[in-house]
Amino acid sequence: MCKLNKALYRIKQAPQAWFKRLSQSIINIGFIGSQEDHSPFTYKHGGALIYILIYVNDILIMGYNDFFISFIVAKLHVEFALGY
């Protein structure tokens, strides 16, 4: 018997572990998760209003501040492999 220290692909816990790691990274940037649903996150600061929606393995980032959206993508790219 072996204990896994991280989730591997193709096991039941992998999607849950991935979402937990991704959502924690988004929260560390300054987003707030929705109380009603797990997939949307909101960032409000000054004039910036940014939304992130996670669906399965896709991430949708919406907002009017292009500079901050680029900043978020760069922060996520440091920790995750992004294809866009």
N, C-alpha and C. Protein backbone atom coordinates (compact mmCIF):
# COMPACT_ATOMS: atom_id res chain seq x y z
N MET A 1 0.84 -1.15 0.00
CA MET A 1 0.00 0.00 0.00
C MET A 1 0.90 1.23 0.00
N CYS A 2 0.51 2.22 -0.79
CA CYS A 2 1.26 3.48 -0.87
C CYS A 2 0.31 4.64 -0.64
N LYS A 3 0.80 5.67 -0.03
CA LYS A 3 0.02 6.89 0.16
C LYS A 3 0.45 7.90 -0.89
N LEU A 4 -0.52 8.43 -1.65
CA LEU A 4 -0.22 9.44 -2.66
C LEU A 4 -0.19 10.81 -2.00
N ASN A 5 0.81 11.60 -2.32
CA ASN A 5 0.90 12.95 -1.79
C ASN A 5 0.22 13.97 -2.67
N LYS A 6 -0.18 13.59 -3.86
CA LYS A 6 -0.93 14.47 -4.74
C LYS A 6 -1.85 13.61 -5.60
N ALA A 7 -2.89 14.25 -6.15
CA ALA A 7 -3.84 13.52 -6.99
C ALA A 7 -3.24 13.28 -8.36
N LEU A 8 -3.46 12.10 -8.89
CA LEU A 8 -2.99 11.75 -10.22
C LEU A 8 -4.14 11.84 -11.21
N TYR A 9 -3.81 12.06 -12.48
CA TYR A 9 -4.84 12.08 -13.51
C TYR A 9 -5.54 10.73 -13.57
N ARG A 10 -6.79 10.79 -13.97
CA ARG A 10 -7.64 9.61 -14.18
C ARG A 10 -8.05 8.90 -12.90
N ILE A 11 -7.91 9.55 -11.76
CA ILE A 11 -8.50 9.00 -10.55
C ILE A 11 -9.64 9.92 -10.13
N LYS A 12 -10.57 9.41 -9.33
CA LYS A 12 -11.76 10.17 -8.99
C LYS A 12 -11.47 11.49 -8.30
N GLN A 13 -10.42 11.55 -7.51
CA GLN A 13 -10.13 12.74 -6.73
C GLN A 13 -9.40 13.83 -7.52
N ALA A 14 -8.91 13.54 -8.71
CA ALA A 14 -8.11 14.51 -9.48
C ALA A 14 -8.87 15.79 -9.80
N PRO A 15 -10.10 15.75 -10.32
CA PRO A 15 -10.80 17.01 -10.60
C PRO A 15 -11.04 17.85 -9.35
N GLN A 16 -11.37 17.20 -8.26
CA GLN A 16 -11.61 17.92 -7.02
C GLN A 16 -10.32 18.57 -6.51
N ALA A 17 -9.21 17.86 -6.59
CA ALA A 17 -7.92 18.40 -6.15
C ALA A 17 -7.49 19.55 -7.04
N TRP A 18 -7.72 19.44 -8.36
CA TRP A 18 -7.38 20.52 -9.28
C TRP A 18 -8.20 21.76 -8.99
N PHE A 19 -9.52 21.60 -8.79
CA PHE A 19 -10.38 22.74 -8.51
C PHE A 19 -10.00 23.40 -7.19
N LYS A 20 -9.68 22.60 -6.20
CA LYS A 20 -9.29 23.15 -4.89
C LYS A 20 -8.01 23.99 -5.02
N ARG A 21 -7.04 23.49 -5.75
CA ARG A 21 -5.78 24.21 -5.94
C ARG A 21 -6.00 25.48 -6.76
N LEU A 22 -6.78 25.40 -7.82
CA LEU A 22 -7.06 26.56 -8.67
C LEU A 22 -7.84 27.61 -7.89
N SER A 23 -8.89 27.22 -7.20
CA SER A 23 -9.70 28.19 -6.47
C SER A 23 -8.90 28.85 -5.36
N GLN A 24 -8.01 28.12 -4.70
CA GLN A 24 -7.17 28.72 -3.67
C GLN A 24 -6.22 29.76 -4.28
N SER A 25 -5.70 29.49 -5.45
CA SER A 25 -4.83 30.44 -6.13
C SER A 25 -5.61 31.71 -6.51
N ILE A 26 -6.83 31.54 -6.97
CA ILE A 26 -7.66 32.69 -7.34
C ILE A 26 -8.01 33.52 -6.11
N ILE A 27 -8.33 32.86 -5.02
CA ILE A 27 -8.63 33.57 -3.77
C ILE A 27 -7.40 34.31 -3.25
N ASN A 28 -6.22 33.72 -3.40
CA ASN A 28 -4.99 34.38 -2.96
C ASN A 28 -4.71 35.65 -3.75
N ILE A 29 -5.17 35.72 -5.00
CA ILE A 29 -5.01 36.93 -5.80
C ILE A 29 -5.90 38.05 -5.26
N GLY A 30 -7.03 37.69 -4.66
CA GLY A 30 -7.93 38.70 -4.10
C GLY A 30 -9.38 38.53 -4.49
N PHE A 31 -9.71 37.45 -5.16
CA PHE A 31 -11.08 37.20 -5.57
C PHE A 31 -11.89 36.64 -4.41
N ILE A 32 -13.20 36.79 -4.51
CA ILE A 32 -14.12 36.24 -3.52
C ILE A 32 -15.01 35.24 -4.22
N GLY A 33 -15.11 34.05 -3.65
CA GLY A 33 -15.96 33.01 -4.22
C GLY A 33 -17.42 33.24 -3.88
N SER A 34 -18.28 32.75 -4.73
CA SER A 34 -19.73 32.87 -4.53
C SER A 34 -20.18 31.93 -3.42
N GLN A 35 -21.16 32.36 -2.65
CA GLN A 35 -21.72 31.51 -1.60
C GLN A 35 -22.72 30.49 -2.16
N GLU A 36 -23.32 30.81 -3.32
CA GLU A 36 -24.35 29.95 -3.90
C GLU A 36 -23.79 28.87 -4.80
N ASP A 37 -22.65 29.14 -5.44
CA ASP A 37 -22.09 28.21 -6.42
C ASP A 37 -20.57 28.23 -6.28
N HIS A 38 -19.91 27.16 -6.63
CA HIS A 38 -18.46 27.07 -6.47
C HIS A 38 -17.69 27.65 -7.64
N SER A 39 -18.32 27.80 -8.80
CA SER A 39 -17.56 28.16 -10.00
C SER A 39 -17.31 29.65 -10.22
N PRO A 40 -18.17 30.59 -9.80
CA PRO A 40 -17.86 32.00 -10.07
C PRO A 40 -17.04 32.65 -8.95
N PHE A 41 -16.15 33.56 -9.36
CA PHE A 41 -15.35 34.35 -8.43
C PHE A 41 -15.42 35.80 -8.88
N THR A 42 -15.41 36.72 -7.93
CA THR A 42 -15.55 38.14 -8.22
C THR A 42 -14.42 38.92 -7.56
N TYR A 43 -13.92 39.92 -8.29
CA TYR A 43 -12.91 40.83 -7.74
C TYR A 43 -13.41 42.24 -7.93
N LYS A 44 -13.56 42.99 -6.83
CA LYS A 44 -13.97 44.39 -6.88
C LYS A 44 -12.96 45.19 -6.10
N HIS A 45 -12.31 46.14 -6.79
CA HIS A 45 -11.37 47.04 -6.12
C HIS A 45 -11.26 48.31 -6.95
N GLY A 46 -11.59 49.42 -6.33
CA GLY A 46 -11.56 50.68 -7.07
C GLY A 46 -12.50 50.61 -8.25
N GLY A 47 -12.00 50.87 -9.44
CA GLY A 47 -12.81 50.80 -10.64
C GLY A 47 -12.78 49.46 -11.32
N ALA A 48 -12.03 48.52 -10.77
CA ALA A 48 -11.90 47.21 -11.41
C ALA A 48 -13.00 46.27 -10.92
N LEU A 49 -13.69 45.66 -11.86
CA LEU A 49 -14.67 44.63 -11.57
C LEU A 49 -14.38 43.48 -12.52
N ILE A 50 -13.88 42.38 -11.98
CA ILE A 50 -13.45 41.23 -12.79
C ILE A 50 -14.21 40.00 -12.30
N TYR A 51 -14.64 39.18 -13.24
CA TYR A 51 -15.30 37.91 -12.93
C TYR A 51 -14.48 36.76 -13.50
N ILE A 52 -14.41 35.69 -12.74
CA ILE A 52 -13.82 34.44 -13.22
C ILE A 52 -14.86 33.35 -13.06
N LEU A 53 -15.05 32.59 -14.10
CA LEU A 53 -15.97 31.46 -14.07
C LEU A 53 -15.19 30.21 -14.45
N ILE A 54 -15.28 29.18 -13.63
CA ILE A 54 -14.59 27.92 -13.89
C ILE A 54 -15.64 26.88 -14.27
N TYR A 55 -15.44 26.24 -15.41
CA TYR A 55 -16.34 25.19 -15.85
C TYR A 55 -15.49 24.00 -16.31
N VAL A 56 -15.54 22.93 -15.57
CA VAL A 56 -14.77 21.72 -15.79
C VAL A 56 -13.28 22.07 -15.83
N ASN A 57 -12.68 22.15 -17.02
CA ASN A 57 -11.27 22.51 -17.08
C ASN A 57 -11.06 23.79 -17.90
N ASP A 58 -12.11 24.61 -18.01
CA ASP A 58 -12.04 25.87 -18.72
C ASP A 58 -12.20 27.02 -17.73
N ILE A 59 -11.52 28.12 -18.02
CA ILE A 59 -11.60 29.32 -17.18
C ILE A 59 -12.00 30.48 -18.07
N LEU A 60 -13.04 31.19 -17.68
CA LEU A 60 -13.49 32.38 -18.39
C LEU A 60 -13.24 33.59 -17.50
N ILE A 61 -12.48 34.56 -18.00
CA ILE A 61 -12.19 35.78 -17.25
C ILE A 61 -12.85 36.93 -17.99
N MET A 62 -13.70 37.70 -17.27
CA MET A 62 -14.43 38.81 -17.88
C MET A 62 -14.21 40.07 -17.06
N GLY A 63 -14.16 41.19 -17.75
CA GLY A 63 -14.05 42.47 -17.07
C GLY A 63 -13.68 43.56 -18.05
N TYR A 64 -13.65 44.80 -17.55
CA TYR A 64 -13.35 45.95 -18.39
C TYR A 64 -11.91 46.43 -18.27
N ASN A 65 -11.17 45.91 -17.32
CA ASN A 65 -9.81 46.37 -17.08
C ASN A 65 -8.83 45.38 -17.72
N ASP A 66 -8.40 45.67 -18.95
CA ASP A 66 -7.51 44.77 -19.68
C ASP A 66 -6.18 44.56 -18.96
N PHE A 67 -5.69 45.61 -18.33
CA PHE A 67 -4.42 45.49 -17.61
C PHE A 67 -4.53 44.49 -16.47
N PHE A 68 -5.60 44.56 -15.71
CA PHE A 68 -5.75 43.64 -14.58
C PHE A 68 -6.03 42.21 -15.04
N ILE A 69 -6.75 42.05 -16.13
CA ILE A 69 -6.98 40.72 -16.68
C ILE A 69 -5.66 40.09 -17.10
N SER A 70 -4.80 40.87 -17.75
CA SER A 70 -3.48 40.38 -18.12
C SER A 70 -2.65 40.02 -16.89
N PHE A 71 -2.78 40.81 -15.84
CA PHE A 71 -2.09 40.53 -14.58
C PHE A 71 -2.55 39.20 -13.98
N ILE A 72 -3.85 38.95 -14.01
CA ILE A 72 -4.40 37.69 -13.47
C ILE A 72 -3.90 36.51 -14.28
N VAL A 73 -3.93 36.63 -15.59
CA VAL A 73 -3.45 35.54 -16.46
C VAL A 73 -1.98 35.26 -16.18
N ALA A 74 -1.18 36.31 -16.02
CA ALA A 74 0.25 36.12 -15.73
C ALA A 74 0.45 35.44 -14.39
N LYS A 75 -0.33 35.83 -13.37
CA LYS A 75 -0.21 35.20 -12.05
C LYS A 75 -0.59 33.72 -12.12
N LEU A 76 -1.65 33.39 -12.85
CA LEU A 76 -2.08 32.00 -12.98
C LEU A 76 -1.08 31.20 -13.82
N HIS A 77 -0.47 31.85 -14.80
CA HIS A 77 0.50 31.17 -15.66
C HIS A 77 1.76 30.75 -14.90
N VAL A 78 2.08 31.45 -13.83
CA VAL A 78 3.23 31.09 -13.00
C VAL A 78 3.00 29.72 -12.34
N GLU A 79 1.76 29.46 -11.96
CA GLU A 79 1.46 28.23 -11.22
C GLU A 79 0.86 27.12 -12.08
N PHE A 80 0.21 27.49 -13.18
CA PHE A 80 -0.48 26.50 -14.02
C PHE A 80 -0.03 26.65 -15.47
N ALA A 81 -0.10 25.57 -16.23
CA ALA A 81 0.16 25.61 -17.66
C ALA A 81 -1.11 26.10 -18.35
N LEU A 82 -1.03 27.25 -18.98
CA LEU A 82 -2.22 27.83 -19.62
C LEU A 82 -2.09 27.75 -21.13
N GLY A 83 -3.18 27.43 -21.77
CA GLY A 83 -3.26 27.47 -23.22
C GLY A 83 -4.38 28.40 -23.59
N TYR A 84 -4.06 29.48 -24.27
CA TYR A 84 -5.11 30.43 -24.62
C TYR A 84 -4.96 30.93 -26.01
